[in-house]
Protein backbone atom coordinates (compact mmCIF):
# COMPACT_ATOMS: atom_id res chain seq x y z
CA MET A 1 174.30 8.93 149.89
CA LEU A 2 177.17 9.59 152.48
CA LEU A 3 180.64 9.28 151.82
CA LYS A 4 182.79 7.43 153.58
CA GLY A 5 183.78 9.03 156.88
CA ALA A 6 181.54 12.13 156.32
CA LEU A 7 179.21 13.67 158.78
CA ALA A 8 175.94 14.79 157.73
CA VAL A 9 174.56 17.93 159.44
CA ILE A 10 171.14 19.24 159.40
CA ALA A 11 170.93 22.77 160.72
CA ILE A 12 167.32 24.02 161.63
CA GLY A 13 166.48 27.64 162.55
CA THR A 14 163.61 29.27 164.00
CA THR A 15 162.69 32.96 163.30
CA CYS A 16 160.49 34.47 165.70
CA THR A 17 158.45 37.93 165.33
CA ASP A 18 157.37 37.88 169.07
CA HIS A 19 159.92 39.08 171.65
CA ALA A 20 159.14 36.63 173.99
CA CYS A 21 160.11 33.50 171.62
CA ALA A 22 163.90 33.12 171.27
CA ALA A 23 165.68 31.58 168.43
CA SER A 24 167.23 28.53 169.08
CA ARG A 25 170.19 26.80 167.19
CA THR A 26 169.08 23.24 166.31
CA GLN A 27 171.11 20.61 164.53
CA VAL A 28 171.19 17.01 163.66
CA ILE A 29 174.31 15.07 163.16
CA LEU A 30 174.42 12.00 162.02
CA LEU A 31 177.07 10.09 163.65
CA GLY A 32 176.56 6.64 162.11
CA THR A 33 174.36 5.29 159.72
CA GLY A 34 175.63 1.56 159.82
CA THR A 35 173.49 -1.60 159.68
CA PRO A 36 173.72 -4.69 161.93
CA ALA A 37 176.00 -6.24 159.43
CA MET A 38 179.81 -5.28 160.36
CA ASP A 39 181.08 -2.62 157.84
CA PRO A 40 184.49 -1.16 158.61
CA ASP A 41 183.68 2.07 156.75
CA ARG A 42 179.93 2.83 158.93
CA SER A 43 179.41 3.20 162.43
CA GLY A 44 176.35 1.74 164.28
CA PRO A 45 173.46 3.92 164.36
CA ALA A 46 173.24 7.11 166.18
CA THR A 47 172.41 10.90 165.76
CA ALA A 48 172.95 13.70 168.01
CA ILE A 49 170.11 16.23 168.04
CA VAL A 50 172.17 19.64 169.42
CA VAL A 51 169.99 22.47 170.97
CA ASP A 52 171.84 25.29 171.89
CA ASP A 53 174.76 23.90 173.52
CA ALA A 54 173.17 20.53 174.95
CA ALA A 55 173.75 17.37 172.97
CA TYR A 56 170.85 14.36 173.05
CA LEU A 57 172.28 11.11 171.51
CA ILE A 58 169.57 8.56 169.72
CA ASP A 59 170.64 5.07 169.79
CA ILE A 60 174.43 4.74 170.67
CA GLY A 61 175.68 1.85 168.17
CA PRO A 62 179.40 1.08 167.57
CA GLY A 63 181.81 3.87 166.87
CA VAL A 64 179.59 6.54 168.52
CA VAL A 65 182.76 8.15 170.44
CA ARG A 66 184.91 8.03 167.82
CA ARG A 67 182.35 9.81 165.50
CA ALA A 68 181.32 12.34 168.14
CA ALA A 69 185.07 12.94 168.34
CA ALA A 70 185.20 13.30 164.54
CA ALA A 71 182.51 16.13 164.72
CA ALA A 72 183.66 17.96 167.58
CA ALA A 73 187.05 18.41 165.87
CA LYS A 74 184.99 19.79 162.85
CA ASN A 75 183.64 22.54 165.54
CA PHE A 76 180.53 20.84 166.63
CA SER A 77 181.81 21.20 170.51
CA ALA A 78 178.49 20.02 171.69
CA VAL A 79 179.35 16.51 170.83
CA ARG A 80 182.66 16.39 172.41
CA PRO A 81 182.34 12.97 174.24
CA GLU A 82 182.61 14.59 177.56
CA ASN A 83 179.61 16.58 176.81
CA LEU A 84 177.51 13.51 175.86
CA LYS A 85 175.37 13.07 178.94
CA THR A 86 171.75 12.01 177.80
CA ALA A 87 171.05 9.31 175.20
CA PHE A 88 167.37 7.73 174.19
CA VAL A 89 167.55 4.19 173.06
CA THR A 90 165.02 3.58 170.11
CA HIS A 91 165.28 -0.46 170.99
CA LEU A 92 167.38 -2.87 172.31
CA HIS A 93 169.27 -4.75 169.32
CA SER A 94 172.75 -4.48 169.70
CA ASP A 95 173.37 -2.50 166.58
CA HIS A 96 172.04 0.46 168.31
CA THR A 97 173.37 -0.05 172.03
CA VAL A 98 176.93 -1.29 172.32
CA GLY A 99 178.35 2.15 171.86
CA TYR A 100 177.44 2.33 175.49
CA PRO A 101 180.32 1.94 177.86
CA ILE A 102 179.67 -0.46 181.11
C-alpha cells in the first residue's frame, strides 16, 4: 500500500562478469497509481522507467508532471519535467492520457 504523496521506486541492478557487459542503472518510478474515479490524493496512471539517465514514461495520467517534479526534488533528476521526452500509452482511456499537454 502506498502512502499519500509517496513515490515508489524499484531499483534493478545488473551484474556482469564479462567486460563487454556494462552494468546499467535501471529504476522503475511509480508516478501515479490512480483509478478512473476522481481522487484528490492520487495521480493518474504513470510509470517512469529510467535507464541510466533516460526516462521513458508508460502512460501519462493526470498529475504526471507534478509527480515527476516531486520525484526530481527527491534526487531522481532523470524525471525532471524538462527531461521527459518519450512516452508510451498503453491504451487511450482518458485516465491514461490527460497528463499529455497539447
